[in-house]
Amino acid sequence: MTLPIGRFAPTPSGALHFGSLVAALASYCDVRSQRGHWLLRIEDVDTPRVVAGASDQILRDLEAFGFEWDGPVLYQSDCFEHYQYYLEQLLRQGDCYACQCSRKTLREQSVPSGLLGQIYPGNCRHKALAERGCSLRLNTAAAGEIGFHDRVYGYFSLRLEESVGDFVLRRSDDIFAYHLAVVVDDELQGVTQIVRGADLLENTCLHLYLQQRLGFATPSYLHLPLVNNPDGIKLSKQTGANPVDHRNASQLLLAALRHLGQAVPAELEIDSPASLLQWSCDHWDPSRITPGPAAPGTQNFTG
């Protein structure tokens, strides 16, 4: 029997905050409850956004909460040759092309915005431009409707060309896009189940199409209700989320479990973080997670 493999993949643009802790806890419990492996990946592909020391701080934070990961930590900054290899495969297949359009020029052309930003209309699809100084985009003309069953939100789908357009896989400054990096990483690490925030529901449709074009396996997906600040805005580093406080590790784990709808006995409130994690894995019940408001695009849900 093949053991399931899950992962937690924070971006080192700042310290771990409560929203990140919820995602870490859910992904950990989901795979550990099945006696599977939990991998840790540092998503530092977008090097200009990396904050010095943030990766090490994230590791210390996770250890302080009792998380234990399997195998070495994977850093995306060590995997650029893998991303380039699969990008060249897409180019050979004719799935990818060079594009000279900038956001500014697209705004000047009044290109409409959609769920994930400007809906790129394929201006450069047939220009056969040289790669140097250009971004590289995945052609979505033949994508049609891409959908999947989410374990919390049900069936979700997008028509990629209409809702997103051709999306970037490598920027004009030669930085690989998140979409390419995460799909390649999940395939090469053998990830079978992905647990992450509901703000990535739309992105998952992009990832499924990219998996199809590369001949990769498709993991199962479970998207989590977002943790919002008092103004109803997603808790994140960009919105000033406070770093987690190790001194309140047990209380924060309990709050995270309650956000995830888990039925936590009152006597656990005095337990250590390690004991709470063990209980969480032994009693994990994803059916108790209540879907919160997703990002824009709820009209694409059925069932």
Protein backbone atom coordinates (compact mmCIF):
# COMPACT_ATOMS: atom_id res chain seq x y z
CA MET A 1 0.00 0.00 0.00
CA THR A 2 1.35 3.41 -1.00
CA LEU A 3 1.29 5.91 1.84
CA PRO A 4 -0.29 9.32 1.17
CA ILE A 5 2.02 12.32 0.98
CA GLY A 6 1.02 15.81 2.03
CA ARG A 7 2.98 19.04 2.32
CA PHE A 8 3.08 22.48 3.87
CA ALA A 9 4.67 25.13 1.66
CA PRO A 10 5.06 28.57 3.27
CA THR A 11 6.56 31.59 1.50
CA PRO A 12 9.48 33.15 3.44
CA SER A 13 8.27 36.72 3.03
CA GLY A 14 7.72 37.02 6.77
CA ALA A 15 7.07 35.08 9.96
CA LEU A 16 4.44 32.39 10.45
CA HIS A 17 1.05 33.93 11.39
CA PHE A 18 -2.21 32.40 12.58
CA GLY A 19 -3.57 31.83 9.07
CA SER A 20 -0.39 29.94 8.17
CA LEU A 21 -0.68 27.91 11.38
CA VAL A 22 -4.22 26.85 10.41
CA ALA A 23 -2.97 25.64 7.02
CA ALA A 24 0.00 23.83 8.58
CA LEU A 25 -2.20 22.13 11.17
CA ALA A 26 -4.84 21.00 8.66
CA SER A 27 -2.30 19.62 6.18
CA TYR A 28 -0.43 17.87 9.01
CA CYS A 29 -3.52 16.26 10.53
CA ASP A 30 -4.96 15.29 7.16
CA VAL A 31 -1.98 13.17 6.15
CA ARG A 32 -0.84 12.00 9.60
CA SER A 33 -4.36 10.71 10.33
CA GLN A 34 -3.73 8.33 7.42
CA ARG A 35 -0.22 7.44 8.67
CA GLY A 36 1.25 9.27 5.69
CA HIS A 37 4.26 11.52 5.17
CA TRP A 38 4.24 15.30 5.72
CA LEU A 39 6.77 17.28 3.71
CA LEU A 40 7.98 20.81 4.29
CA ARG A 41 8.74 23.04 1.30
CA ILE A 42 9.95 26.64 1.43
CA GLU A 43 8.48 28.44 -1.58
CA ASP A 44 11.23 30.97 -2.21
CA VAL A 45 11.03 30.92 -6.02
CA ASP A 46 10.14 34.65 -6.08
CA THR A 47 13.52 35.72 -4.73
CA PRO A 48 12.82 39.50 -4.51
CA ARG A 49 10.05 38.80 -1.98
CA VAL A 50 12.21 36.68 0.32
CA VAL A 51 12.89 38.28 3.71
CA ALA A 52 16.31 37.47 5.16
CA GLY A 53 16.03 35.00 8.04
CA ALA A 54 12.34 34.25 7.45
CA SER A 55 12.91 30.63 6.38
CA ASP A 56 14.84 29.80 9.54
CA GLN A 57 12.23 31.54 11.67
CA ILE A 58 9.44 29.52 10.06
CA LEU A 59 11.27 26.28 10.84
CA ARG A 60 11.75 27.34 14.46
CA ASP A 61 8.08 28.30 14.71
CA LEU A 62 6.92 24.92 13.40
CA GLU A 63 9.24 23.07 15.77
CA ALA A 64 7.96 25.11 18.72
CA PHE A 65 4.40 24.00 17.91
CA GLY A 66 5.46 20.36 17.77
CA PHE A 67 5.36 19.75 14.01
CA GLU A 68 7.69 17.06 12.66
CA TRP A 69 8.29 16.74 8.94
CA ASP A 70 9.61 13.82 6.91
CA GLY A 71 12.88 14.13 5.03
CA PRO A 72 14.86 17.28 4.32
CA VAL A 73 13.23 20.66 3.73
CA LEU A 74 12.90 21.44 0.02
CA TYR A 75 13.82 24.98 -1.07
CA GLN A 76 12.45 26.07 -4.44
CA SER A 77 15.56 28.19 -4.98
CA ASP A 78 17.45 24.88 -5.33
CA CYS A 79 15.10 23.59 -8.03
CA PHE A 80 15.42 26.10 -10.87
CA GLU A 81 16.91 23.53 -13.24
CA HIS A 82 13.83 21.34 -12.78
CA TYR A 83 11.50 24.21 -13.63
CA GLN A 84 13.54 25.07 -16.72
CA TYR A 85 13.47 21.43 -17.88
CA TYR A 86 9.68 21.26 -17.84
CA LEU A 87 9.33 24.74 -19.28
CA GLU A 88 11.39 23.59 -22.26
CA GLN A 89 9.11 20.56 -22.59
CA LEU A 90 6.11 22.87 -22.87
CA LEU A 91 7.92 24.98 -25.46
CA ARG A 92 8.74 21.89 -27.54
CA GLN A 93 5.10 20.80 -27.36
CA GLY A 94 3.91 24.21 -28.56
CA ASP A 95 1.99 24.80 -25.31
CA CYS A 96 4.05 27.81 -24.29
CA TYR A 97 5.15 30.97 -26.07
CA ALA A 98 7.12 34.18 -25.56
CA CYS A 99 5.17 37.36 -24.80
CA GLN A 100 6.34 40.98 -24.81
CA CYS A 101 3.20 42.47 -23.25
CA SER A 102 3.52 44.24 -19.91
CA ARG A 103 0.76 44.98 -17.40
CA LYS A 104 1.04 48.63 -18.39
CA THR A 105 0.53 47.99 -22.10
CA LEU A 106 -2.41 45.71 -21.34
CA ARG A 107 -4.00 48.41 -19.17
CA GLU A 108 -3.53 50.88 -22.01
CA GLN A 109 -5.38 48.41 -24.26
CA SER A 110 -8.22 48.25 -21.68
CA VAL A 111 -7.77 44.51 -21.23
CA PRO A 112 -10.42 43.44 -18.67
CA SER A 113 -9.54 41.96 -15.30
CA GLY A 114 -10.89 38.67 -14.01
CA LEU A 115 -10.55 36.43 -11.00
CA LEU A 116 -6.75 36.38 -11.07
CA GLY A 117 -5.91 39.74 -12.61
CA GLN A 118 -5.78 40.80 -16.25
CA ILE A 119 -7.34 38.28 -18.65
CA TYR A 120 -4.56 37.96 -21.21
CA PRO A 121 -6.14 37.86 -24.68
CA GLY A 122 -3.34 36.00 -26.49
CA ASN A 123 -1.83 38.99 -28.30
CA CYS A 124 1.55 37.26 -28.77
CA ARG A 125 0.39 33.68 -29.35
CA HIS A 126 1.37 33.59 -33.00
CA LYS A 127 4.24 36.09 -33.11
CA ALA A 128 7.03 33.52 -32.56
CA LEU A 129 9.01 36.03 -30.48
CA ALA A 130 12.47 35.28 -29.13
CA GLU A 131 12.49 34.33 -25.45
CA ARG A 132 15.07 36.88 -24.35
CA GLY A 133 13.47 39.77 -22.46
CA CYS A 134 10.01 38.22 -22.75
CA SER A 135 7.74 36.40 -20.36
CA LEU A 136 6.64 32.85 -21.23
CA ARG A 137 2.92 32.08 -21.14
CA LEU A 138 0.90 28.86 -21.24
CA ASN A 139 -1.58 28.82 -24.12
CA THR A 140 -5.09 28.17 -22.78
CA ALA A 141 -6.92 28.28 -26.14
CA ALA A 142 -7.63 24.55 -26.00
CA ALA A 143 -8.20 24.28 -22.25
CA GLY A 144 -11.96 24.50 -22.22
CA GLU A 145 -13.54 24.03 -18.80
CA ILE A 146 -11.22 22.74 -16.08
CA GLY A 147 -12.83 21.47 -12.91
CA PHE A 148 -12.18 19.37 -9.83
CA HIS A 149 -13.93 18.10 -6.71
CA ASP A 150 -12.72 19.86 -3.60
CA ARG A 151 -13.12 17.90 -0.36
CA VAL A 152 -14.67 20.91 1.41
CA TYR A 153 -16.14 23.18 -1.27
CA GLY A 154 -17.44 20.55 -3.68
CA TYR A 155 -17.12 20.84 -7.45
CA PHE A 156 -15.41 23.95 -8.77
CA SER A 157 -14.55 24.84 -12.37
CA LEU A 158 -13.29 27.61 -14.62
CA ARG A 159 -13.14 28.18 -18.34
CA LEU A 160 -9.51 29.23 -18.37
CA GLU A 161 -9.33 31.20 -21.61
CA GLU A 162 -12.36 33.29 -20.66
CA SER A 163 -11.68 33.70 -16.93
CA VAL A 164 -7.87 33.88 -16.78
CA GLY A 165 -6.35 33.87 -20.25
CA ASP A 166 -2.82 32.68 -21.03
CA PHE A 167 -0.93 32.79 -17.75
CA VAL A 168 2.76 33.42 -17.09
CA LEU A 169 5.13 30.53 -16.29
CA ARG A 170 8.34 32.55 -16.35
CA ARG A 171 8.49 36.30 -15.98
CA SER A 172 10.45 38.63 -18.24
CA ASP A 173 13.06 38.97 -15.46
CA ASP A 174 13.59 35.16 -15.70
CA ILE A 175 11.88 34.43 -12.36
CA PHE A 176 9.79 31.26 -12.55
CA ALA A 177 6.12 31.70 -11.70
CA TYR A 178 4.50 30.09 -8.69
CA HIS A 179 2.18 28.06 -10.95
CA LEU A 180 5.00 26.22 -12.69
CA ALA A 181 7.12 25.75 -9.56
CA VAL A 182 4.35 24.34 -7.39
CA VAL A 183 3.12 21.90 -10.04
CA VAL A 184 6.62 20.59 -10.73
CA ASP A 185 7.45 20.33 -7.01
CA ASP A 186 4.28 18.40 -6.19
CA GLU A 187 4.96 15.93 -9.00
CA LEU A 188 8.62 15.37 -8.18
CA GLN A 189 7.90 15.03 -4.45
CA GLY A 190 5.07 12.56 -5.10
CA VAL A 191 2.48 14.68 -3.29
CA THR A 192 -0.90 12.95 -3.32
CA GLN A 193 -3.05 15.36 -1.30
CA ILE A 194 -2.92 19.13 -1.04
CA VAL A 195 -4.47 21.14 1.79
CA ARG A 196 -4.39 24.96 1.47
CA GLY A 197 -6.50 28.10 1.71
CA ALA A 198 -9.65 28.76 -0.29
CA ASP A 199 -8.01 31.80 -1.89
CA LEU A 200 -6.22 29.28 -4.14
CA LEU A 201 -9.33 27.57 -5.53
CA GLU A 202 -9.06 29.38 -8.85
CA ASN A 203 -5.33 28.72 -9.04
CA THR A 204 -6.01 25.00 -8.72
CA CYS A 205 -7.76 25.01 -12.10
CA LEU A 206 -4.62 26.50 -13.64
CA HIS A 207 -2.53 23.84 -11.95
CA LEU A 208 -4.75 21.03 -13.19
CA TYR A 209 -4.38 22.20 -16.79
CA LEU A 210 -0.63 22.49 -16.39
CA GLN A 211 -0.54 18.97 -14.92
CA GLN A 212 -2.44 17.74 -17.98
CA ARG A 213 -0.03 19.37 -20.42
CA LEU A 214 2.99 17.92 -18.60
CA GLY A 215 1.50 14.44 -18.11
CA PHE A 216 1.61 14.73 -14.32
CA ALA A 217 -0.61 13.04 -11.75
CA THR A 218 -3.35 15.10 -10.11
CA PRO A 219 -3.46 15.11 -6.29
CA SER A 220 -6.65 15.42 -4.25
CA TYR A 221 -7.45 18.92 -2.99
CA LEU A 222 -8.90 20.27 0.23
CA HIS A 223 -9.28 24.03 0.50
CA LEU A 224 -9.73 25.67 3.89
CA PRO A 225 -11.95 28.57 4.96
CA LEU A 226 -9.80 31.66 5.24
CA VAL A 227 -8.83 33.33 8.49
CA ASN A 228 -9.86 36.98 8.22
CA ASN A 229 -8.95 40.04 10.23
CA PRO A 230 -11.66 42.16 11.96
CA ASP A 231 -12.22 44.04 8.67
CA GLY A 232 -13.06 40.79 6.87
CA ILE A 233 -9.79 40.78 4.92
CA LYS A 234 -7.71 37.62 4.65
CA LEU A 235 -5.08 37.43 7.38
CA SER A 236 -1.67 37.63 5.70
CA LYS A 237 1.76 39.19 5.92
CA GLN A 238 0.57 41.89 3.50
CA THR A 239 -2.32 42.85 5.80
CA GLY A 240 -0.12 43.12 8.89
CA ALA A 241 -0.81 39.74 10.51
CA ASN A 242 1.07 39.33 13.77
CA PRO A 243 3.63 36.52 14.07
CA VAL A 244 2.57 33.51 16.14
CA ASP A 245 3.69 33.63 19.78
CA HIS A 246 5.36 30.43 21.02
CA ARG A 247 4.37 31.24 24.58
CA ASN A 248 0.74 30.65 23.61
CA ALA A 249 1.34 27.58 21.43
CA SER A 250 -1.37 25.39 22.96
CA GLN A 251 -3.97 28.19 22.91
CA LEU A 252 -3.20 28.97 19.27
CA LEU A 253 -3.45 25.30 18.26
CA LEU A 254 -6.81 25.09 20.02
CA ALA A 255 -8.02 28.22 18.20
CA ALA A 256 -6.86 26.73 14.90
CA LEU A 257 -8.70 23.47 15.58
CA ARG A 258 -11.89 25.38 16.36
CA HIS A 259 -11.54 27.40 13.16
CA LEU A 260 -11.40 24.05 11.38
CA GLY A 261 -14.60 22.88 13.09
CA GLN A 262 -12.95 20.14 15.13
CA ALA A 263 -14.72 19.08 18.35
CA VAL A 264 -12.08 19.79 20.98
CA PRO A 265 -12.74 18.46 24.52
CA ALA A 266 -12.42 21.06 27.27
CA GLU A 267 -9.77 19.04 29.11
CA LEU A 268 -7.33 19.50 26.22
CA GLU A 269 -6.98 23.19 27.03
CA ILE A 270 -4.18 22.44 29.50
CA ASP A 271 -2.30 19.99 27.28
CA SER A 272 1.11 20.55 25.71
CA PRO A 273 1.40 21.39 21.98
CA ALA A 274 2.76 17.87 21.28
CA SER A 275 -0.22 16.25 23.02
CA LEU A 276 -2.65 18.51 21.17
CA LEU A 277 -1.10 17.61 17.84
CA GLN A 278 -1.33 13.91 18.58
CA TRP A 279 -4.98 14.25 19.60
CA SER A 280 -5.66 16.29 16.47
CA CYS A 281 -4.22 13.62 14.18
CA ASP A 282 -6.04 10.80 16.00
CA HIS A 283 -9.42 12.60 15.83
CA TRP A 284 -9.11 14.55 12.56
CA ASP A 285 -12.46 14.88 10.79
CA PRO A 286 -12.38 17.03 7.63
CA SER A 287 -16.14 16.64 7.21
CA ARG A 288 -16.52 19.06 10.15
CA ILE A 289 -14.86 21.90 8.22
CA THR A 290 -17.48 24.48 7.22
CA PRO A 291 -16.84 26.19 3.88
CA GLY A 292 -16.39 29.90 4.44
CA PRO A 293 -16.82 32.55 1.76
CA ALA A 294 -14.40 31.70 -1.03
CA ALA A 295 -12.54 34.19 -3.12
CA PRO A 296 -14.42 35.70 -6.09
CA GLY A 297 -15.76 33.03 -8.41
CA THR A 298 -18.34 31.29 -6.23
CA GLN A 299 -20.56 31.17 -9.28
CA ASN A 300 -18.30 28.38 -10.50
CA PHE A 301 -19.39 26.02 -7.72
CA THR A 302 -21.91 23.26 -8.28
CA GLY A 303 -23.16 20.70 -5.82
